[in-house]
N, C-alpha and C. Protein backbone atom coordinates (compact mmCIF):
# COMPACT_ATOMS: atom_id res chain seq x y z
N UNK A 1 0.81 -1.49 0.59
CA UNK A 1 -0.39 0.07 -0.15
C UNK A 1 1.22 0.98 0.25
N UNK A 2 2.24 1.27 0.62
CA UNK A 2 2.59 2.22 0.30
C UNK A 2 3.60 2.95 -0.64
N UNK A 3 3.86 1.81 -1.45
CA UNK A 3 4.59 1.84 -3.24
C UNK A 3 3.61 2.42 -3.63
N UNK A 4 2.17 2.31 -3.43
CA UNK A 4 1.02 3.63 -3.74
C UNK A 4 1.09 3.90 -4.03
N UNK A 5 1.29 4.52 -2.60
CA UNK A 5 1.45 5.91 -1.95
C UNK A 5 2.58 6.80 -2.92
N UNK A 6 3.01 6.25 -2.21
CA UNK A 6 4.46 6.81 -2.97
C UNK A 6 4.15 7.05 -4.22
N UNK A 7 4.10 5.55 -5.01
CA UNK A 7 3.99 6.60 -6.58
C UNK A 7 2.62 7.69 -6.85
N UNK A 8 1.66 7.69 -6.42
CA UNK A 8 0.99 8.74 -6.29
C UNK A 8 1.64 10.35 -5.72
N UNK A 9 2.25 10.27 -4.84
CA UNK A 9 3.29 11.37 -4.52
C UNK A 9 4.09 11.53 -5.36
N UNK A 10 4.61 10.59 -5.81
CA UNK A 10 5.70 11.65 -7.01
C UNK A 10 5.31 11.88 -8.25
N UNK A 11 3.76 11.55 -8.65
CA UNK A 11 3.23 12.07 -9.53
C UNK A 11 2.59 13.69 -9.36
N UNK A 12 2.13 13.81 -8.07
CA UNK A 12 2.07 14.65 -7.90
C UNK A 12 2.43 15.79 -7.37
N UNK A 13 4.41 15.68 -7.12
CA UNK A 13 4.99 16.15 -7.06
C UNK A 13 5.28 16.63 -8.02
N UNK A 14 5.55 16.26 -9.21
CA UNK A 14 5.96 16.41 -10.38
C UNK A 14 5.27 17.20 -11.17
N UNK A 15 3.68 16.58 -11.32
CA UNK A 15 3.13 17.66 -11.71
C UNK A 15 2.51 19.51 -11.27
N UNK A 16 2.56 18.82 -9.32
CA UNK A 16 3.30 20.29 -8.80
C UNK A 16 4.27 21.31 -9.46
N UNK A 17 5.28 21.25 -9.51
CA UNK A 17 6.18 21.27 -10.11
C UNK A 17 6.20 21.59 -11.35
N UNK A 18 5.70 20.75 -12.01
CA UNK A 18 5.23 21.54 -13.86
C UNK A 18 3.79 22.80 -14.01
N UNK A 19 3.38 22.74 -12.82
CA UNK A 19 2.05 23.65 -13.09
C UNK A 19 3.50 24.51 -12.46
N UNK A 20 3.97 25.19 -11.14
CA UNK A 20 4.36 25.78 -10.53
C UNK A 20 5.58 26.59 -10.99
N UNK A 21 5.82 26.13 -12.07
CA UNK A 21 7.16 26.93 -13.28
C UNK A 21 6.11 27.43 -14.65
N UNK A 22 5.13 26.82 -15.04
CA UNK A 22 4.47 27.97 -15.32
C UNK A 22 3.45 28.52 -14.96
N UNK A 23 3.08 28.54 -14.05
CA UNK A 23 2.93 29.93 -13.73
C UNK A 23 3.47 30.52 -13.01
N UNK A 24 5.28 30.51 -12.67
CA UNK A 24 5.99 32.12 -12.20
C UNK A 24 6.38 32.00 -13.33
N UNK A 25 6.62 31.52 -14.69
CA UNK A 25 6.92 32.37 -15.70
C UNK A 25 5.81 33.24 -16.48
N UNK A 26 4.06 32.65 -15.62
CA UNK A 26 3.26 33.93 -16.55
C UNK A 26 2.68 34.74 -15.37
N UNK A 27 3.20 34.81 -14.89
CA UNK A 27 3.42 35.41 -13.45
C UNK A 27 4.74 36.64 -13.01
N UNK A 28 5.79 36.26 -13.90
CA UNK A 28 7.10 36.94 -13.99
C UNK A 28 6.94 38.21 -14.46
N UNK A 29 7.63 39.34 -14.05
CA UNK A 29 7.50 40.62 -14.86
C UNK A 29 8.85 39.92 -16.23
N UNK A 30 8.45 40.16 -16.97
CA UNK A 30 9.42 39.61 -18.44
C UNK A 30 8.94 40.10 -19.78
N UNK A 31 10.01 40.22 -20.27
CA UNK A 31 9.36 41.33 -21.43
C UNK A 31 8.69 39.59 -22.27
N UNK A 32 8.48 39.98 -23.30
CA UNK A 32 7.58 39.34 -24.61
C UNK A 32 8.77 38.47 -24.50
N UNK A 33 9.67 38.92 -25.47
CA UNK A 33 10.63 37.31 -26.00
C UNK A 33 11.40 36.77 -25.30
N UNK A 34 11.15 36.84 -23.54
CA UNK A 34 11.86 36.44 -22.49
C UNK A 34 11.32 34.99 -22.30
N UNK A 35 9.76 35.49 -21.85
CA UNK A 35 8.50 34.66 -21.42
C UNK A 35 8.46 33.71 -22.65
N UNK A 36 7.87 34.35 -24.00
CA UNK A 36 8.36 32.99 -24.79
C UNK A 36 9.23 31.87 -25.07
N UNK A 37 10.76 32.39 -24.61
CA UNK A 37 12.12 31.65 -24.43
C UNK A 37 12.24 30.55 -23.43
N UNK A 38 11.01 31.28 -22.78
CA UNK A 38 10.91 30.14 -21.31
C UNK A 38 10.06 29.46 -21.43
N UNK A 39 8.89 29.66 -22.03
CA UNK A 39 7.75 28.49 -22.40
C UNK A 39 8.40 28.41 -23.87
N UNK A 40 9.10 28.10 -24.22
CA UNK A 40 9.79 27.06 -25.67
C UNK A 40 10.44 26.36 -24.31
N UNK A 41 11.59 26.53 -24.45
CA UNK A 41 12.59 25.30 -22.96
C UNK A 41 11.33 24.52 -22.37
N UNK A 42 10.15 25.51 -21.36
CA UNK A 42 9.78 24.55 -21.03
C UNK A 42 9.38 23.18 -21.61
N UNK A 43 8.50 24.36 -23.00
CA UNK A 43 7.45 23.03 -23.81
C UNK A 43 8.62 22.02 -24.36
N UNK A 44 9.36 22.05 -24.33
CA UNK A 44 10.39 21.20 -25.07
C UNK A 44 11.02 19.84 -24.01
N UNK A 45 10.88 20.91 -22.81
CA UNK A 45 11.24 19.30 -21.48
C UNK A 45 9.93 18.54 -20.72
N UNK A 46 8.84 19.43 -21.69
CA UNK A 46 7.73 18.25 -20.85
C UNK A 46 7.53 16.95 -21.60
N UNK A 47 8.29 16.82 -22.68
CA UNK A 47 8.39 15.20 -23.13
C UNK A 47 9.24 14.64 -22.59
N UNK A 48 9.84 14.82 -22.05
CA UNK A 48 11.06 14.54 -20.92
C UNK A 48 10.35 13.96 -18.93
N UNK A 49 9.38 15.05 -19.17
CA UNK A 49 8.84 14.95 -17.87
C UNK A 49 7.77 14.46 -18.26
N UNK A 50 7.35 14.07 -18.74
CA UNK A 50 5.67 13.26 -19.37
C UNK A 50 6.64 11.60 -19.24
N UNK A 51 8.02 11.27 -19.90
CA UNK A 51 8.44 9.62 -20.35
C UNK A 51 8.68 9.62 -18.32
N UNK A 52 9.36 10.59 -17.93
CA UNK A 52 9.70 10.78 -16.87
C UNK A 52 8.88 9.81 -15.38
N UNK A 53 7.68 10.79 -16.06
CA UNK A 53 6.36 11.10 -15.09
C UNK A 53 5.57 8.97 -15.37
N UNK A 54 5.84 8.84 -16.51
CA UNK A 54 5.34 7.91 -17.18
C UNK A 54 6.20 6.28 -16.73
N UNK A 55 7.68 6.39 -16.75
CA UNK A 55 7.95 5.37 -16.06
C UNK A 55 7.90 5.39 -14.92
N UNK A 56 8.13 6.30 -13.65
CA UNK A 56 7.97 6.74 -12.60
C UNK A 56 6.32 5.46 -11.57
N UNK A 57 5.36 5.89 -12.79
CA UNK A 57 4.23 5.29 -12.07
C UNK A 57 4.44 3.69 -12.49
N UNK A 58 4.78 3.09 -14.01
CA UNK A 58 4.89 2.18 -14.55
C UNK A 58 5.65 1.65 -13.26
N UNK A 59 6.53 2.20 -12.72
CA UNK A 59 7.36 1.55 -11.99
C UNK A 59 6.31 1.29 -10.75
N UNK A 60 6.09 1.64 -10.30
CA UNK A 60 4.99 2.02 -8.74
C UNK A 60 3.71 0.63 -9.82
N UNK A 61 3.87 1.29 -10.82
CA UNK A 61 2.41 -0.18 -10.95
C UNK A 61 2.51 -1.62 -10.82
N UNK A 62 4.28 -1.42 -11.36
CA UNK A 62 4.88 -3.35 -11.34
C UNK A 62 5.09 -3.73 -10.35
N UNK A 63 5.29 -2.67 -8.80
CA UNK A 63 6.14 -3.36 -7.57
C UNK A 63 4.22 -3.64 -6.82
N UNK A 64 3.39 -2.71 -7.80
CA UNK A 64 1.99 -3.11 -6.71
C UNK A 64 1.43 -4.60 -7.31
N UNK A 65 2.10 -4.52 -8.32
CA UNK A 65 1.12 -5.73 -9.35
C UNK A 65 1.91 -6.76 -8.45
N UNK A 66 3.44 -6.87 -8.15
CA UNK A 66 4.14 -8.07 -7.76
C UNK A 66 3.51 -7.77 -6.55
N UNK A 67 3.06 -7.92 -5.38
CA UNK A 67 2.54 -7.37 -4.21
C UNK A 67 1.35 -8.19 -4.15
N UNK A 68 0.51 -7.36 -5.10
CA UNK A 68 -0.55 -8.41 -4.71
C UNK A 68 -0.71 -9.85 -5.34
N UNK A 69 -0.03 -9.75 -6.31
CA UNK A 69 -0.21 -11.28 -6.23
C UNK A 69 1.13 -12.21 -5.40
N UNK A 70 1.90 -11.92 -4.86
CA UNK A 70 2.04 -12.54 -4.11
C UNK A 70 0.95 -12.30 -2.36
N UNK A 71 0.65 -11.18 -2.14
CA UNK A 71 -0.82 -11.39 -1.12
C UNK A 71 -1.68 -12.59 -1.66
N UNK A 72 -2.01 -13.05 -3.36
CA UNK A 72 -2.86 -13.75 -3.53
C UNK A 72 -2.50 -14.93 -3.12
N UNK A 73 -0.88 -14.81 -3.64
CA UNK A 73 -0.78 -16.62 -3.41
C UNK A 73 -0.66 -16.90 -1.75
N UNK A 74 -0.20 -16.13 -1.17
CA UNK A 74 -0.03 -16.17 0.40
C UNK A 74 -2.03 -16.72 1.33
N UNK A 75 -2.30 -16.03 0.28
CA UNK A 75 -4.25 -16.46 0.66
C UNK A 75 -3.87 -17.39 0.17
N UNK A 76 -4.07 -17.55 -0.83
CA UNK A 76 -4.34 -19.03 -1.76
C UNK A 76 -4.21 -20.05 -0.61
N UNK A 77 -2.81 -20.07 -0.57
CA UNK A 77 -1.95 -21.31 0.52
C UNK A 77 -3.13 -21.43 1.43
N UNK A 78 -2.98 -20.12 2.75
CA UNK A 78 -4.10 -20.07 3.35
C UNK A 78 -4.85 -20.95 3.47
N UNK A 79 -5.86 -20.27 2.74
CA UNK A 79 -7.26 -21.55 1.95
C UNK A 79 -7.19 -22.40 1.76
N UNK A 80 -5.57 -23.24 1.33
CA UNK A 80 -5.67 -24.57 1.57
C UNK A 80 -5.83 -25.12 2.66
N UNK A 81 -4.66 -25.05 3.18
CA UNK A 81 -4.24 -25.45 4.82
C UNK A 81 -5.16 -25.04 5.46
N UNK A 82 -6.25 -24.20 5.27
CA UNK A 82 -7.83 -24.42 5.89
C UNK A 82 -8.82 -24.88 5.81
N UNK A 83 -8.73 -25.33 4.51
CA UNK A 83 -9.85 -26.59 3.69
C UNK A 83 -8.70 -28.05 4.04
N UNK A 84 -8.20 -28.00 3.61
CA UNK A 84 -7.98 -29.70 4.37
C UNK A 84 -7.99 -29.89 6.01
N UNK A 85 -7.49 -28.68 6.97
CA UNK A 85 -7.84 -28.57 8.11
C UNK A 85 -9.34 -29.22 8.31
N UNK A 86 -10.20 -28.29 7.77
CA UNK A 86 -11.01 -28.69 7.88
C UNK A 86 -12.09 -29.85 7.06
N UNK A 87 -11.28 -30.47 6.22
CA UNK A 87 -11.12 -31.66 5.54
C UNK A 87 -10.84 -32.70 6.87
N UNK A 88 -9.77 -33.08 7.53
CA UNK A 88 -9.25 -33.73 8.82
C UNK A 88 -10.36 -33.68 9.76
N UNK A 89 -10.53 -32.56 10.26
CA UNK A 89 -11.59 -32.13 11.28
C UNK A 89 -12.67 -33.15 11.28
N UNK A 90 -13.66 -32.61 9.64
CA UNK A 90 -14.50 -33.43 9.51
C UNK A 90 -14.53 -35.38 9.68
N UNK A 91 -13.47 -35.35 8.90
CA UNK A 91 -13.17 -36.96 8.52
C UNK A 91 -13.05 -37.53 9.81
N UNK A 92 -12.70 -36.69 11.14
CA UNK A 92 -12.19 -37.30 12.77
C UNK A 92 -13.44 -37.26 13.19
N UNK A 93 -15.07 -36.32 13.36
CA UNK A 93 -15.42 -35.91 13.92
C UNK A 93 -16.45 -37.14 13.27
N UNK A 94 -16.55 -37.51 11.90
CA UNK A 94 -17.18 -38.54 10.94
C UNK A 94 -17.06 -39.79 11.78
N UNK A 95 -15.72 -40.51 12.31
CA UNK A 95 -14.57 -41.19 12.56
C UNK A 95 -15.76 -41.55 14.39
N UNK A 96 -15.70 -40.76 14.92
CA UNK A 96 -15.63 -40.10 16.31
C UNK A 96 -17.25 -40.40 16.36
N UNK A 97 -18.41 -40.48 15.36
CA UNK A 97 -19.42 -40.37 15.27
C UNK A 97 -19.76 -41.85 14.92
N UNK A 98 -19.40 -42.11 13.75
CA UNK A 98 -19.34 -44.36 13.68
C UNK A 98 -18.84 -45.05 15.27
N UNK A 99 -17.33 -44.40 15.71
CA UNK A 99 -17.63 -45.33 16.49
C UNK A 99 -18.85 -45.29 18.07
N UNK A 100 -19.35 -43.79 18.39
CA UNK A 100 -20.00 -44.03 19.61
C UNK A 100 -21.37 -44.05 18.82
N UNK A 101 -22.04 -44.81 17.62
CA UNK A 101 -22.70 -44.96 17.29
C UNK A 101 -22.45 -46.74 17.45
N UNK A 102 -21.79 -47.29 16.58
CA UNK A 102 -21.42 -48.59 16.94
C UNK A 102 -21.01 -49.06 18.59
N UNK A 103 -20.99 -47.91 19.54
CA UNK A 103 -21.06 -48.59 21.09
C UNK A 103 -22.30 -48.80 21.74
N UNK A 104 -23.65 -48.11 20.59
CA UNK A 104 -24.98 -47.61 20.66
C UNK A 104 -25.11 -48.75 20.95
N UNK A 105 -24.77 -49.61 20.00
CA UNK A 105 -25.49 -50.36 19.16
C UNK A 105 -24.99 -51.79 19.95
N UNK A 106 -23.73 -52.10 20.12
CA UNK A 106 -23.49 -53.17 21.44
C UNK A 106 -24.07 -52.88 22.58
N UNK A 107 -24.31 -51.47 22.83
CA UNK A 107 -25.04 -52.03 24.43
C UNK A 107 -26.37 -51.94 24.17
N UNK A 108 -26.93 -51.20 23.61
CA UNK A 108 -28.66 -52.39 22.89
C UNK A 108 -28.54 -53.89 23.13
N UNK A 109 -27.35 -54.53 22.61
CA UNK A 109 -27.11 -56.13 22.51
C UNK A 109 -27.12 -56.68 23.45
N UNK A 110 -26.74 -56.24 24.72
CA UNK A 110 -26.84 -56.33 25.65
C UNK A 110 -27.36 -57.58 26.10
N UNK A 111 -27.21 -58.10 27.02
CA UNK A 111 -28.21 -58.60 27.76
C UNK A 111 -29.14 -57.86 28.83
N UNK A 112 -30.57 -57.78 28.93
CA UNK A 112 -31.07 -57.04 29.65
C UNK A 112 -30.29 -57.07 31.46
N UNK A 113 -29.59 -58.07 31.47
CA UNK A 113 -29.48 -58.71 32.86
C UNK A 113 -27.94 -57.49 33.33
N UNK A 114 -27.37 -57.64 31.59
CA UNK A 114 -26.36 -56.94 32.25
C UNK A 114 -25.83 -55.50 31.75
N UNK A 115 -27.23 -55.06 31.95
CA UNK A 115 -27.40 -53.51 31.80
C UNK A 115 -27.82 -53.31 33.26
N UNK A 116 -28.99 -53.96 33.50
CA UNK A 116 -29.09 -53.57 34.71
C UNK A 116 -28.16 -53.72 36.08
N UNK A 117 -27.20 -54.98 35.75
CA UNK A 117 -26.47 -55.19 37.17
C UNK A 117 -25.16 -53.69 36.98
């Protein structure tokens, strides 16, 4: 979960930096030529910034995917163990019930005199 948050944080940081840079260019008192040159440089840097952002997001998505796969594998293993334990418990209970029924049948077949004594 923290990997996902750090990816969002990095993306937000990069987007905020780009917006801040653009805002500072438009607000700062410069001549038209200087502003156009700065905007051109910024525009030229945008593809690289977008590529860096895309790479960062892809890395975070890969980490999240791997972690989800790992968590799924662990959950599946615990589920298999729980099912196996449930089957064992059910078989043990069934055997105990059979033994109990067998003892009841044996006691029913004893002569009445033995029962009374």
